PDB file of N, CA and C in Angstrom:
ATOM      1  N   MET A   1      60.652 126.401 102.248  1.00  0.00           N
ATOM      2  CA  MET A   1      61.062 124.799 102.222  1.00  0.00           C
ATOM      3  C   MET A   1      61.206 124.087 100.770  1.00  0.00           C
ATOM      4  N   THR A   2      61.955 123.308 100.664  1.00  0.00           N
ATOM      5  CA  THR A   2      62.335 122.648  99.611  1.00  0.00           C
ATOM      6  C   THR A   2      62.144 121.029  99.511  1.00  0.00           C
ATOM      7  N   ASP A   3      61.898 120.830  97.769  1.00  0.00           N
ATOM      8  CA  ASP A   3      61.498 119.437  97.792  1.00  0.00           C
ATOM      9  C   ASP A   3      61.885 118.616  97.693  1.00  0.00           C
ATOM     10  N   LYS A   4      63.311 118.557  98.028  1.00  0.00           N
ATOM     11  CA  LYS A   4      63.953 117.465  98.281  1.00  0.00           C
ATOM     12  C   LYS A   4      64.204 116.739  99.786  1.00  0.00           C
ATOM     13  N   LYS A   5      64.138 115.546  99.283  1.00  0.00           N
ATOM     14  CA  LYS A   5      63.605 114.456 100.913  1.00  0.00           C
ATOM     15  C   LYS A   5      64.704 113.948 101.396  1.00  0.00           C
ATOM     16  N   GLU A   6      65.387 113.981 102.334  1.00  0.00           N
ATOM     17  CA  GLU A   6      66.472 113.387 103.142  1.00  0.00           C
ATOM     18  C   GLU A   6      67.176 112.447 103.145  1.00  0.00           C
ATOM     19  N   THR A   7      66.948 111.556 102.941  1.00  0.00           N
ATOM     20  CA  THR A   7      67.382 110.263 102.752  1.00  0.00           C
ATOM     21  C   THR A   7      68.479 109.727 103.747  1.00  0.00           C
ATOM     22  N   ASN A   8      67.928 108.689 105.124  1.00  0.00           N
ATOM     23  CA  ASN A   8      69.303 108.499 105.668  1.00  0.00           C
ATOM     24  C   ASN A   8      69.897 106.679 104.944  1.00  0.00           C
ATOM     25  N   ALA A   9      69.047 106.300 104.255  1.00  0.00           N
ATOM     26  CA  ALA A   9      69.532 105.437 103.159  1.00  0.00           C
ATOM     27  C   ALA A   9      71.056 105.084 103.287  1.00  0.00           C
ATOM     28  N   PRO A  10      71.658 103.458 103.099  1.00  0.00           N
ATOM     29  CA  PRO A  10      73.056 103.691 102.975  1.00  0.00           C
ATOM     30  C   PRO A  10      73.200 103.841 101.507  1.00  0.00           C
ATOM     31  N   LEU A  11      74.550 104.216 101.118  1.00  0.00           N
ATOM     32  CA  LEU A  11      74.663 104.286  99.649  1.00  0.00           C
ATOM     33  C   LEU A  11      75.022 102.820  99.348  1.00  0.00           C
ATOM     34  N   GLN A  12      74.470 102.429  97.803  1.00  0.00           N
ATOM     35  CA  GLN A  12      74.289 101.038  97.285  1.00  0.00           C
ATOM     36  C   GLN A  12      74.998 101.123  96.582  1.00  0.00           C
ATOM     37  N   LYS A  13      75.964  99.992  96.545  1.00  0.00           N
ATOM     38  CA  LYS A  13      77.667  99.318  95.244  1.00  0.00           C
ATOM     39  C   LYS A  13      76.811  99.522  94.519  1.00  0.00           C
ATOM     40  N   LYS A  14      77.701  99.779  93.170  1.00  0.00           N
ATOM     41  CA  LYS A  14      77.045  99.897  92.141  1.00  0.00           C
ATOM     42  C   LYS A  14      77.577  98.125  91.604  1.00  0.00           C
ATOM     43  N   GLU A  15      77.363  97.537  90.772  1.00  0.00           N
ATOM     44  CA  GLU A  15      77.551  96.088  90.647  1.00  0.00           C
ATOM     45  C   GLU A  15      78.362  96.367  89.732  1.00  0.00           C
ATOM     46  N   SER A  16      79.806  96.010  89.250  1.00  0.00           N
ATOM     47  CA  SER A  16      80.866  96.178  88.802  1.00  0.00           C
ATOM     48  C   SER A  16      80.591  94.393  87.572  1.00  0.00           C
ATOM     49  N   LYS A  17      81.263  94.913  86.631  1.00  0.00           N
ATOM     50  CA  LYS A  17      81.273  93.536  85.624  1.00  0.00           C
ATOM     51  C   LYS A  17      82.938  93.176  86.129  1.00  0.00           C
ATOM     52  N   PRO A  18      82.679  91.442  86.081  1.00  0.00           N
ATOM     53  CA  PRO A  18      84.050  90.763  86.564  1.00  0.00           C
ATOM     54  C   PRO A  18      84.947  91.542  85.148  1.00  0.00           C
ATOM     55  N   VAL A  19      86.034  91.163  86.294  1.00  0.00           N
ATOM     56  CA  VAL A  19      87.372  91.763  85.154  1.00  0.00           C
ATOM     57  C   VAL A  19      88.432  90.298  84.655  1.00  0.00           C
ATOM     58  N   ALA A  20      88.284  90.067  84.047  1.00  0.00           N
ATOM     59  CA  ALA A  20      88.826  89.376  82.821  1.00  0.00           C
ATOM     60  C   ALA A  20      90.382  89.253  83.105  1.00  0.00           C
ATOM     61  N   LYS A  21      90.898  87.580  83.973  1.00  0.00           N
ATOM     62  CA  LYS A  21      92.263  87.914  85.155  1.00  0.00           C
ATOM     63  C   LYS A  21      93.200  88.233  83.619  1.00  0.00           C
ATOM     64  N   LYS A  22      93.936  88.866  83.741  1.00  0.00           N
ATOM     65  CA  LYS A  22      95.307  88.487  82.755  1.00  0.00           C
ATOM     66  C   LYS A  22      96.255  87.238  83.225  1.00  0.00           C
ATOM     67  N   GLU A  23      96.931  86.697  81.992  1.00  0.00           N
ATOM     68  CA  GLU A  23      97.538  85.481  82.476  1.00  0.00           C
ATOM     69  C   GLU A  23      99.157  86.578  82.539  1.00  0.00           C
ATOM     70  N   HIS A  24      99.195  85.842  83.269  1.00  0.00           N
ATOM     71  CA  HIS A  24     100.906  86.575  84.236  1.00  0.00           C
ATOM     72  C   HIS A  24     101.453  85.115  84.765  1.00  0.00           C
ATOM     73  N   LYS A  25     102.727  85.668  83.486  1.00  0.00           N
ATOM     74  CA  LYS A  25     103.891  84.026  83.735  1.00  0.00           C
ATOM     75  C   LYS A  25     104.182  84.447  85.115  1.00  0.00           C
ATOM     76  N   GLU A  26     104.470  83.932  85.988  1.00  0.00           N
ATOM     77  CA  GLU A  26     105.536  83.862  87.017  1.00  0.00           C
ATOM     78  C   GLU A  26     107.084  83.148  86.540  1.00  0.00           C
ATOM     79  N   PRO A  27     107.616  84.246  87.079  1.00  0.00           N
ATOM     80  CA  PRO A  27     109.675  84.271  85.925  1.00  0.00           C
ATOM     81  C   PRO A  27     109.661  82.446  86.777  1.00  0.00           C
ATOM     82  N   ASN A  28     110.629  82.028  85.911  1.00  0.00           N
ATOM     83  CA  ASN A  28     111.617  80.963  86.667  1.00  0.00           C
ATOM     84  C   ASN A  28     112.472  81.935  87.950  1.00  0.00           C
ATOM     85  N   PHE A  29     112.517  80.229  88.278  1.00  0.00           N
ATOM     86  CA  PHE A  29     113.786  80.068  89.559  1.00  0.00           C
ATOM     87  C   PHE A  29     114.408  81.415  89.559  1.00  0.00           C
ATOM     88  N   ILE A  30     115.462  81.198  88.003  1.00  0.00           N
ATOM     89  CA  ILE A  30     116.558  81.990  88.216  1.00  0.00           C
ATOM     90  C   ILE A  30     116.763  83.635  87.718  1.00  0.00           C
ATOM     91  N   GLN A  31     115.384  84.025  86.788  1.00  0.00           N
ATOM     92  CA  GLN A  31     115.318  85.115  87.042  1.00  0.00           C
ATOM     93  C   GLN A  31     114.011  85.754  88.172  1.00  0.00           C
ATOM     94  N   ARG A  32     113.517  85.371  88.852  1.00  0.00           N
ATOM     95  CA  ARG A  32     112.797  85.793  90.399  1.00  0.00           C
ATOM     96  C   ARG A  32     114.309  85.344  91.026  1.00  0.00           C
ATOM     97  N   TYR A  33     115.739  84.993  91.533  1.00  0.00           N
ATOM     98  CA  TYR A  33     116.835  84.729  92.198  1.00  0.00           C
ATOM     99  C   TYR A  33     117.236  86.228  91.726  1.00  0.00           C
ATOM    100  N   TYR A  34     117.684  86.319  90.636  1.00  0.00           N
ATOM    101  CA  TYR A  34     117.951  87.701  90.072  1.00  0.00           C
ATOM    102  C   TYR A  34     118.089  89.270  90.637  1.00  0.00           C
ATOM    103  N   ARG A  35     116.667  89.044  90.192  1.00  0.00           N
ATOM    104  CA  ARG A  35     115.665  90.408  90.709  1.00  0.00           C
ATOM    105  C   ARG A  35     115.692  90.052  91.746  1.00  0.00           C
ATOM    106  N   GLU A  36     115.288  89.322  92.626  1.00  0.00           N
ATOM    107  CA  GLU A  36     115.576  89.811  94.121  1.00  0.00           C
ATOM    108  C   GLU A  36     116.851  90.184  94.686  1.00  0.00           C
ATOM    109  N   THR A  37     117.704  89.884  94.213  1.00  0.00           N
ATOM    110  CA  THR A  37     119.070  89.650  95.171  1.00  0.00           C
ATOM    111  C   THR A  37     119.578  90.940  94.812  1.00  0.00           C
ATOM    112  N   ILE A  38     119.310  91.964  93.282  1.00  0.00           N
ATOM    113  CA  ILE A  38     119.488  93.477  92.750  1.00  0.00           C
ATOM    114  C   ILE A  38     118.321  93.665  93.907  1.00  0.00           C
ATOM    115  N   GLY A  39     117.405  93.952  94.220  1.00  0.00           N
ATOM    116  CA  GLY A  39     116.259  94.575  94.736  1.00  0.00           C
ATOM    117  C   GLY A  39     117.172  94.514  96.358  1.00  0.00           C
ATOM    118  N   GLU A  40     117.810  93.333  96.507  1.00  0.00           N
ATOM    119  CA  GLU A  40     118.124  93.864  98.077  1.00  0.00           C
ATOM    120  C   GLU A  40     119.723  94.568  98.127  1.00  0.00           C
ATOM    121  N   LEU A  41     120.681  94.397  96.949  1.00  0.00           N
ATOM    122  CA  LEU A  41     121.981  94.944  97.099  1.00  0.00           C
ATOM    123  C   LEU A  41     121.274  96.107  96.782  1.00  0.00           C
ATOM    124  N   ARG A  42     119.959  96.791  96.027  1.00  0.00           N
ATOM    125  CA  ARG A  42     119.855  98.660  96.246  1.00  0.00           C
ATOM    126  C   ARG A  42     119.394  98.906  97.652  1.00  0.00           C
ATOM    127  N   LYS A  43     119.426  97.993  98.307  1.00  0.00           N
ATOM    128  CA  LYS A  43     118.964  98.384  99.966  1.00  0.00           C
ATOM    129  C   LYS A  43     120.363  98.381 100.833  1.00  0.00           C
ATOM    130  N   VAL A  44     121.091  97.981 100.454  1.00  0.00           N
ATOM    131  CA  VAL A  44     122.602  97.774 101.490  1.00  0.00           C
ATOM    132  C   VAL A  44     122.983  99.139 101.013  1.00  0.00           C
ATOM    133  N   ASN A  45     123.245  99.655 102.387  1.00  0.00           N
ATOM    134  CA  ASN A  45     124.206 100.631 102.723  1.00  0.00           C
ATOM    135  C   ASN A  45     125.512 100.379 102.429  1.00  0.00           C
ATOM    136  N   TRP A  46     126.227 101.090 101.320  1.00  0.00           N
ATOM    137  CA  TRP A  46     127.289 100.642 101.386  1.00  0.00           C
ATOM    138  C   TRP A  46     128.496 101.826 102.038  1.00  0.00           C
ATOM    139  N   PRO A  47     129.420 101.132 102.454  1.00  0.00           N
ATOM    140  CA  PRO A  47     130.674 102.228 103.005  1.00  0.00           C
ATOM    141  C   PRO A  47     130.992 103.356 101.960  1.00  0.00           C
ATOM    142  N   THR A  48     131.804 104.050 102.572  1.00  0.00           N
ATOM    143  CA  THR A  48     132.238 105.246 101.331  1.00  0.00           C
ATOM    144  C   THR A  48     133.939 104.475 100.760  1.00  0.00           C
ATOM    145  N   ARG A  49     134.163 104.806 100.307  1.00  0.00           N
ATOM    146  CA  ARG A  49     135.992 104.112  99.687  1.00  0.00           C
ATOM    147  C   ARG A  49     136.690 104.639 101.118  1.00  0.00           C
ATOM    148  N   ARG A  50     136.638 105.423 101.938  1.00  0.00           N
ATOM    149  CA  ARG A  50     137.448 105.855 102.943  1.00  0.00           C
ATOM    150  C   ARG A  50     137.440 105.285 104.076  1.00  0.00           C
ATOM    151  N   GLU A  51     135.480 104.930 104.217  1.00  0.00           N
ATOM    152  CA  GLU A  51     135.315 103.800 105.673  1.00  0.00           C
ATOM    153  C   GLU A  51     135.963 102.418 105.286  1.00  0.00           C
ATOM    154  N   ALA A  52     135.567 102.162 104.208  1.00  0.00           N
ATOM    155  CA  ALA A  52     136.493 100.552 103.391  1.00  0.00           C
ATOM    156  C   ALA A  52     137.705 100.659 103.492  1.00  0.00           C
ATOM    157  N   VAL A  53     138.607 101.757 103.327  1.00  0.00           N
ATOM    158  CA  VAL A  53     139.970 101.673 103.089  1.00  0.00           C
ATOM    159  C   VAL A  53     140.273 101.478 104.788  1.00  0.00           C
ATOM    160  N   ASN A  54     139.790 101.802 105.771  1.00  0.00           N
ATOM    161  CA  ASN A  54     139.932 102.020 107.240  1.00  0.00           C
ATOM    162  C   ASN A  54     139.409 100.980 108.045  1.00  0.00           C
ATOM    163  N   MET A  55     138.230 100.461 107.680  1.00  0.00           N
ATOM    164  CA  MET A  55     137.958  99.482 107.611  1.00  0.00           C
ATOM    165  C   MET A  55     138.850  97.837 107.425  1.00  0.00           C
ATOM    166  N   THR A  56     139.407  97.757 106.150  1.00  0.00           N
ATOM    167  CA  THR A  56     140.332  96.702 105.269  1.00  0.00           C
ATOM    168  C   THR A  56     141.541  96.891 107.087  1.00  0.00           C
ATOM    169  N   ILE A  57     142.211  98.042 106.538  1.00  0.00           N
ATOM    170  CA  ILE A  57     143.326  98.229 107.561  1.00  0.00           C
ATOM    171  C   ILE A  57     142.970  97.701 109.036  1.00  0.00           C
ATOM    172  N   LEU A  58     141.992  97.779 109.582  1.00  0.00           N
ATOM    173  CA  LEU A  58     142.084  97.629 111.050  1.00  0.00           C
ATOM    174  C   LEU A  58     141.434  95.893 111.173  1.00  0.00           C
ATOM    175  N   VAL A  59     140.756  95.462 109.956  1.00  0.00           N
ATOM    176  CA  VAL A  59     140.928  94.285 109.890  1.00  0.00           C
ATOM    177  C   VAL A  59     142.513  93.494 110.150  1.00  0.00           C
ATOM    178  N   VAL A  60     143.005  93.850 108.919  1.00  0.00           N
ATOM    179  CA  VAL A  60     145.074  93.882 109.106  1.00  0.00           C
ATOM    180  C   VAL A  60     145.459  93.695 110.472  1.00  0.00           C
ATOM    181  N   ILE A  61     145.529  95.262 110.948  1.00  0.00           N
ATOM    182  CA  ILE A  61     146.242  94.847 112.063  1.00  0.00           C
ATOM    183  C   ILE A  61     145.348  94.025 113.090  1.00  0.00           C
ATOM    184  N   VAL A  62     144.474  93.937 112.971  1.00  0.00           N
ATOM    185  CA  VAL A  62     143.857  92.574 114.226  1.00  0.00           C
ATOM    186  C   VAL A  62     144.672  91.271 113.444  1.00  0.00           C
ATOM    187  N   LEU A  63     144.481  90.996 112.519  1.00  0.00           N
ATOM    188  CA  LEU A  63     145.170  89.677 111.510  1.00  0.00           C
ATOM    189  C   LEU A  63     146.167  89.347 112.221  1.00  0.00           C
ATOM    190  N   VAL A  64     147.234  90.674 111.939  1.00  0.00           N
ATOM    191  CA  VAL A  64     148.887  90.689 112.635  1.00  0.00           C
ATOM    192  C   VAL A  64     148.916  89.941 113.800  1.00  0.00           C
ATOM    193  N   ILE A  65     147.755  90.771 114.911  1.00  0.00           N
ATOM    194  CA  ILE A  65     148.266  90.554 116.532  1.00  0.00           C
ATOM    195  C   ILE A  65     147.646  89.438 116.971  1.00  0.00           C
ATOM    196  N   MET A  66     146.929  89.295 116.232  1.00  0.00           N
ATOM    197  CA  MET A  66     146.133  87.544 116.625  1.00  0.00           C
ATOM    198  C   MET A  66     147.361  86.206 116.025  1.00  0.00           C
ATOM    199  N   THR A  67     147.830  86.440 114.706  1.00  0.00           N
ATOM    200  CA  THR A  67     148.936  86.095 114.565  1.00  0.00           C
ATOM    201  C   THR A  67     149.837  85.595 115.153  1.00  0.00           C
ATOM    202  N   ILE A  68     150.170  87.086 115.593  1.00  0.00           N
ATOM    203  CA  ILE A  68     151.242  86.591 116.585  1.00  0.00           C
ATOM    204  C   ILE A  68     151.274  86.108 118.120  1.00  0.00           C
ATOM    205  N   PHE A  69     149.833  86.660 118.352  1.00  0.00           N
ATOM    206  CA  PHE A  69     149.412  85.939 119.725  1.00  0.00           C
ATOM    207  C   PHE A  69     148.878  83.762 119.617  1.00  0.00           C
ATOM    208  N   LEU A  70     148.283  84.057 119.060  1.00  0.00           N
ATOM    209  CA  LEU A  70     147.960  82.695 118.797  1.00  0.00           C
ATOM    210  C   LEU A  70     149.638  82.043 118.786  1.00  0.00           C
ATOM    211  N   GLY A  71     150.282  82.668 117.686  1.00  0.00           N
ATOM    212  CA  GLY A  71     152.013  81.892 117.055  1.00  0.00           C
ATOM    213  C   GLY A  71     152.236  81.694 118.718  1.00  0.00           C
ATOM    214  N   SER A  72     152.074  82.999 119.287  1.00  0.00           N
ATOM    215  CA  SER A  72     153.289  82.335 120.623  1.00  0.00           C
ATOM    216  C   SER A  72     152.432  81.111 122.253  1.00  0.00           C
ATOM    217  N   VAL A  73     151.385  81.759 121.859  1.00  0.00           N
ATOM    218  CA  VAL A  73     150.769  80.493 122.437  1.00  0.00           C
ATOM    219  C   VAL A  73     150.850  78.925 122.042  1.00  0.00           C
ATOM    220  N   ASP A  74     150.911  78.728 120.681  1.00  0.00           N
ATOM    221  CA  ASP A  74     151.389  77.503 120.784  1.00  0.00           C
ATOM    222  C   ASP A  74     152.615  77.108 120.860  1.00  0.00           C
ATOM    223  N   ALA A  75     153.516  77.778 120.778  1.00  0.00           N
ATOM    224  CA  ALA A  75     155.063  78.388 120.747  1.00  0.00           C
ATOM    225  C   ALA A  75     155.570  77.625 122.130  1.00  0.00           C
ATOM    226  N   LEU A  76     154.059  78.345 123.490  1.00  0.00           N
ATOM    227  CA  LEU A  76     154.298  78.268 124.536  1.00  0.00           C
ATOM    228  C   LEU A  76     154.104  76.658 125.176  1.00  0.00           C
ATOM    229  N   ALA A  77     153.187  76.520 124.019  1.00  0.00           N
ATOM    230  CA  ALA A  77     152.093  75.049 124.628  1.00  0.00           C
ATOM    231  C   ALA A  77     152.771  73.820 123.963  1.00  0.00           C
ATOM    232  N   ALA A  78     153.761  74.043 122.823  1.00  0.00           N
ATOM    233  CA  ALA A  78     154.598  73.224 121.802  1.00  0.00           C
ATOM    234  C   ALA A  78     155.806  72.741 123.664  1.00  0.00           C
ATOM    235  N   MET A  79     156.520  73.552 123.631  1.00  0.00           N
ATOM    236  CA  MET A  79     157.873  73.491 124.580  1.00  0.00           C
ATOM    237  C   MET A  79     156.946  73.281 126.028  1.00  0.00           C
ATOM    238  N   PHE A  80     156.056  73.869 126.471  1.00  0.00           N
ATOM    239  CA  PHE A  80     155.608  72.855 127.728  1.00  0.00           C
ATOM    240  C   PHE A  80     155.530  71.515 127.546  1.00  0.00           C
ATOM    241  N   VAL A  81     154.727  71.463 126.621  1.00  0.00           N
ATOM    242  CA  VAL A  81     154.814  69.735 126.488  1.00  0.00           C
ATOM    243  C   VAL A  81     156.128  69.020 126.328  1.00  0.00           C
ATOM    244  N   SER A  82     156.891  69.231 125.554  1.00  0.00           N
ATOM    245  CA  SER A  82     158.113  68.710 125.748  1.00  0.00           C
ATOM    246  C   SER A  82     158.943  68.643 126.828  1.00  0.00           C
ATOM    247  N   TRP A  83     158.650  70.095 127.267  1.00  0.00           N
ATOM    248  CA  TRP A  83     159.742  69.569 129.165  1.00  0.00           C
ATOM    249  C   TRP A  83     158.833  68.909 129.680  1.00  0.00           C
ATOM    250  N   ILE A  84     157.131  68.430 129.474  1.00  0.00           N
ATOM    251  CA  ILE A  84     156.541  67.300 129.984  1.00  0.00           C
ATOM    252  C   ILE A  84     157.251  66.208 130.016  1.00  0.00           C
ATOM    253  N   ILE A  85     157.535  66.041 128.906  1.00  0.00           N
ATOM    254  CA  ILE A  85     157.330  64.279 127.989  1.00  0.00           C
ATOM    255  C   ILE A  85     158.998  64.276 128.465  1.00  0.00           C
ATOM    256  N   GLY A  86     159.864  65.600 128.547  1.00  0.00           N
ATOM    257  CA  GLY A  86     161.666  65.184 128.129  1.00  0.00           C
ATOM    258  C   GLY A  86     162.072  64.786 126.717  1.00  0.00           C
ATOM    259  N   LEU A  87     161.951  65.546 126.155  1.00  0.00           N
ATOM    260  CA  LEU A  87     162.125  65.355 124.754  1.00  0.00           C
ATOM    261  C   LEU A  87     163.692  66.273 125.200  1.00  0.00           C
TER     262      LEU A  87
END
């Protein structure tokens, strides 16, 4: 047998010295806004050049189609109103 005694007592925590708080200046609004904006922009999944060009072409095509459609609807509505009024 050994002379070691087994203890089932919980481990005691060591007392720690109080830590002096460091004064930390919070950044002003402009600095904080700039840092947060840069952080968010780093998270953005930016499209490749090819994807950006393809999306731009798609937007221009849809813009042209909608312009023709809405222009036609406006012209037909104007003709209809002028026919009803009898001008």
